[in-house]
C-alpha atoms as a PDB file:
ATOM      1  CA  MET A   1       0.000   0.000   0.000  1.00  0.00           C
ATOM      2  CA  LYS A   2       1.109   3.546  -0.696  1.00  0.00           C
ATOM      3  CA  LEU A   3       0.201   6.998   0.571  1.00  0.00           C
ATOM      4  CA  ILE A   4       0.036   9.524  -2.239  1.00  0.00           C
ATOM      5  CA  THR A   5       0.352  13.135  -1.103  1.00  0.00           C
ATOM      6  CA  ALA A   6      -0.302  15.799  -3.715  1.00  0.00           C
ATOM      7  CA  ILE A   7       0.192  19.534  -3.239  1.00  0.00           C
ATOM      8  CA  ILE A   8      -1.852  21.292  -5.927  1.00  0.00           C
ATOM      9  CA  LYS A   9      -3.475  24.606  -6.761  1.00  0.00           C
ATOM     10  CA  PRO A  10      -6.707  24.978  -4.764  1.00  0.00           C
ATOM     11  CA  PHE A  11      -8.972  25.587  -7.760  1.00  0.00           C
ATOM     12  CA  LYS A  12      -7.984  22.181  -9.189  1.00  0.00           C
ATOM     13  CA  THR A  13      -9.308  20.077  -6.292  1.00  0.00           C
ATOM     14  CA  ASP A  14     -12.693  19.345  -7.889  1.00  0.00           C
ATOM     15  CA  ASP A  15     -11.059  18.283 -11.163  1.00  0.00           C
ATOM     16  CA  VAL A  16      -8.737  15.912  -9.305  1.00  0.00           C
ATOM     17  CA  ARG A  17     -11.568  14.486  -7.190  1.00  0.00           C
ATOM     18  CA  GLU A  18     -13.621  13.748 -10.320  1.00  0.00           C
ATOM     19  CA  ALA A  19     -10.649  12.106 -12.052  1.00  0.00           C
ATOM     20  CA  LEU A  20      -9.944   9.905  -9.031  1.00  0.00           C
ATOM     21  CA  SER A  21     -13.617   8.989  -8.643  1.00  0.00           C
ATOM     22  CA  ALA A  22     -13.541   7.762 -12.238  1.00  0.00           C
ATOM     23  CA  LEU A  23     -10.741   5.370 -11.208  1.00  0.00           C
ATOM     24  CA  GLY A  24     -12.836   4.044  -8.328  1.00  0.00           C
ATOM     25  CA  ILE A  25     -10.969   5.858  -5.546  1.00  0.00           C
ATOM     26  CA  SER A  26     -13.558   6.174  -2.806  1.00  0.00           C
ATOM     27  CA  GLY A  27     -11.813   8.382  -0.281  1.00  0.00           C
ATOM     28  CA  MET A  28      -9.220  11.059   0.213  1.00  0.00           C
ATOM     29  CA  THR A  29      -8.292  13.774   2.669  1.00  0.00           C
ATOM     30  CA  LEU A  30      -8.110  17.428   1.645  1.00  0.00           C
ATOM     31  CA  THR A  31      -6.259  20.008   3.717  1.00  0.00           C
ATOM     32  CA  GLU A  32      -5.894  23.698   2.942  1.00  0.00           C
ATOM     33  CA  VAL A  33      -2.216  24.578   3.327  1.00  0.00           C
ATOM     34  CA  LYS A  34       0.188  27.379   2.455  1.00  0.00           C
ATOM     35  CA  GLY A  35       3.630  27.052   0.996  1.00  0.00           C
ATOM     36  CA  PHE A  36       6.160  28.247  -1.495  1.00  0.00           C
ATOM     37  CA  GLY A  37       8.729  26.775  -3.802  1.00  0.00           C
ATOM     38  CA  ARG A  38       9.977  27.990  -7.137  1.00  0.00           C
ATOM     39  CA  GLN A  39       6.791  29.989  -7.565  1.00  0.00           C
ATOM     40  CA  LYS A  40       7.980  32.241  -4.735  1.00  0.00           C
ATOM     41  CA  GLY A  41       5.521  34.789  -3.439  1.00  0.00           C
ATOM     42  CA  HIS A  42       4.140  38.025  -4.765  1.00  0.00           C
ATOM     43  CA  THR A  43       3.402  41.532  -3.534  1.00  0.00           C
ATOM     44  CA  GLU A  44      -0.048  42.967  -2.914  1.00  0.00           C
ATOM     45  CA  LEU A  45      -1.185  46.494  -2.281  1.00  0.00           C
ATOM     46  CA  TYR A  46      -3.604  46.960   0.634  1.00  0.00           C
ATOM     47  CA  ARG A  47      -4.757  50.396   1.760  1.00  0.00           C
ATOM     48  CA  GLY A  48      -1.742  52.043   0.222  1.00  0.00           C
ATOM     49  CA  ALA A  49       0.799  49.713   1.806  1.00  0.00           C
ATOM     50  CA  GLU A  50       2.677  47.046  -0.085  1.00  0.00           C
ATOM     51  CA  TYR A  51       2.803  43.558   1.463  1.00  0.00           C
ATOM     52  CA  VAL A  52       4.953  40.621   0.440  1.00  0.00           C
ATOM     53  CA  ILE A  53       2.981  37.374   0.382  1.00  0.00           C
ATOM     54  CA  ASP A  54       5.576  34.611   0.826  1.00  0.00           C
ATOM     55  CA  PHE A  55       3.290  31.645   1.384  1.00  0.00           C
ATOM     56  CA  LEU A  56       0.695  30.928  -1.291  1.00  0.00           C
ATOM     57  CA  PRO A  57      -2.510  28.962  -0.701  1.00  0.00           C
ATOM     58  CA  LYS A  58      -2.344  25.329  -1.822  1.00  0.00           C
ATOM     59  CA  ALA A  59      -4.434  22.192  -1.387  1.00  0.00           C
ATOM     60  CA  LYS A  60      -2.929  19.021   0.073  1.00  0.00           C
ATOM     61  CA  LEU A  61      -4.567  15.753  -0.961  1.00  0.00           C
ATOM     62  CA  GLU A  62      -3.769  12.485   0.770  1.00  0.00           C
ATOM     63  CA  ILE A  63      -4.904   9.232  -0.820  1.00  0.00           C
ATOM     64  CA  ALA A  64      -4.120   5.710   0.411  1.00  0.00           C
ATOM     65  CA  VAL A  65      -4.119   3.201  -2.453  1.00  0.00           C
ATOM     66  CA  ALA A  66      -3.171  -0.381  -3.222  1.00  0.00           C
ATOM     67  CA  ASN A  67       0.196  -0.818  -4.944  1.00  0.00           C
ATOM     68  CA  ASP A  68      -1.368  -1.735  -8.295  1.00  0.00           C
ATOM     69  CA  LEU A  69      -3.227   1.617  -8.521  1.00  0.00           C
ATOM     70  CA  VAL A  70      -0.313   3.958  -7.775  1.00  0.00           C
ATOM     71  CA  GLU A  71       0.681   4.755 -11.375  1.00  0.00           C
ATOM     72  CA  GLN A  72      -2.930   5.318 -12.478  1.00  0.00           C
ATOM     73  CA  VAL A  73      -3.624   7.640  -9.542  1.00  0.00           C
ATOM     74  CA  VAL A  74      -0.431   9.644 -10.059  1.00  0.00           C
ATOM     75  CA  ASP A  75      -1.157  10.011 -13.798  1.00  0.00           C
ATOM     76  CA  SER A  76      -4.724  11.118 -13.088  1.00  0.00           C
ATOM     77  CA  ILE A  77      -3.603  13.723 -10.573  1.00  0.00           C
ATOM     78  CA  CYS A  78      -0.984  15.078 -12.990  1.00  0.00           C
ATOM     79  CA  LYS A  79      -3.467  15.364 -15.854  1.00  0.00           C
ATOM     80  CA  ALA A  80      -6.280  16.843 -13.765  1.00  0.00           C
ATOM     81  CA  SER A  81      -4.179  19.358 -11.821  1.00  0.00           C
ATOM     82  CA  GLY A  82      -1.676  20.478 -14.428  1.00  0.00           C
ATOM     83  CA  THR A  83      -1.823  23.987 -15.918  1.00  0.00           C
ATOM     84  CA  ASP A  84       1.692  23.986 -17.437  1.00  0.00           C
ATOM     85  CA  LYS A  85       2.516  26.982 -15.262  1.00  0.00           C
ATOM     86  CA  ILE A  86       4.873  27.357 -12.331  1.00  0.00           C
ATOM     87  CA  GLY A  87       3.275  26.404  -9.021  1.00  0.00           C
ATOM     88  CA  ASP A  88       1.317  23.364 -10.253  1.00  0.00           C
ATOM     89  CA  GLY A  89       2.635  21.444  -7.256  1.00  0.00           C
ATOM     90  CA  LYS A  90       4.253  18.149  -6.359  1.00  0.00           C
ATOM     91  CA  ILE A  91       3.265  14.532  -5.723  1.00  0.00           C
ATOM     92  CA  PHE A  92       4.930  12.372  -3.065  1.00  0.00           C
ATOM     93  CA  VAL A  93       4.521   8.586  -2.876  1.00  0.00           C
ATOM     94  CA  THR A  94       5.404   6.869   0.407  1.00  0.00           C
ATOM     95  CA  ASP A  95       5.038   3.330   1.730  1.00  0.00           C
ATOM     96  CA  LEU A  96       2.224   2.507   4.154  1.00  0.00           C
ATOM     97  CA  GLU A  97       2.950  -0.267   6.605  1.00  0.00           C
ATOM     98  CA  GLN A  98      -0.588  -0.778   7.830  1.00  0.00           C
ATOM     99  CA  VAL A  99      -4.092   0.599   7.378  1.00  0.00           C
ATOM    100  CA  ILE A 100      -6.895  -0.173   9.836  1.00  0.00           C
ATOM    101  CA  ARG A 101     -10.565   0.713   9.442  1.00  0.00           C
ATOM    102  CA  ILE A 102     -11.597   1.698  12.962  1.00  0.00           C
ATOM    103  CA  ARG A 103     -15.291   0.802  12.624  1.00  0.00           C
ATOM    104  CA  THR A 104     -14.827  -2.778  11.409  1.00  0.00           C
ATOM    105  CA  GLY A 105     -11.256  -3.613  12.345  1.00  0.00           C
ATOM    106  CA  GLU A 106     -10.411  -4.485   8.717  1.00  0.00           C
ATOM    107  CA  THR A 107      -6.729  -4.180   7.887  1.00  0.00           C
ATOM    108  CA  GLY A 108      -4.544  -3.818   4.810  1.00  0.00           C
ATOM    109  CA  ASN A 109      -6.133  -3.407   1.370  1.00  0.00           C
ATOM    110  CA  ASP A 110      -9.524  -4.378   2.803  1.00  0.00           C
ATOM    111  CA  ALA A 111      -9.469  -1.218   4.922  1.00  0.00           C
ATOM    112  CA  LEU A 112      -8.990   1.019   1.896  1.00  0.00           C
END
């Protein structure tokens, strides 16, 4: 099992959710986060004062999947979230040792 963590632009979350639903992915976690990378920040003018915005709003998706679905999920996220502009985000794939569904006690792939 793998945990796929994707940091994407916030306005792309619905597109990614729809793409993953089409693959049969039934659950994910969405967190609103802020960050910066190569996109850097930008300056904004508010009431005559200029402010530097270092951290930009992003969406963090976390999806636990079986090993055989990893490539399909990563491809779907890339296609659905890409804009070909700087700041599209990153995807991280990490190993999951164990998954347990609290309600039923199911473990492993059955818990996904």
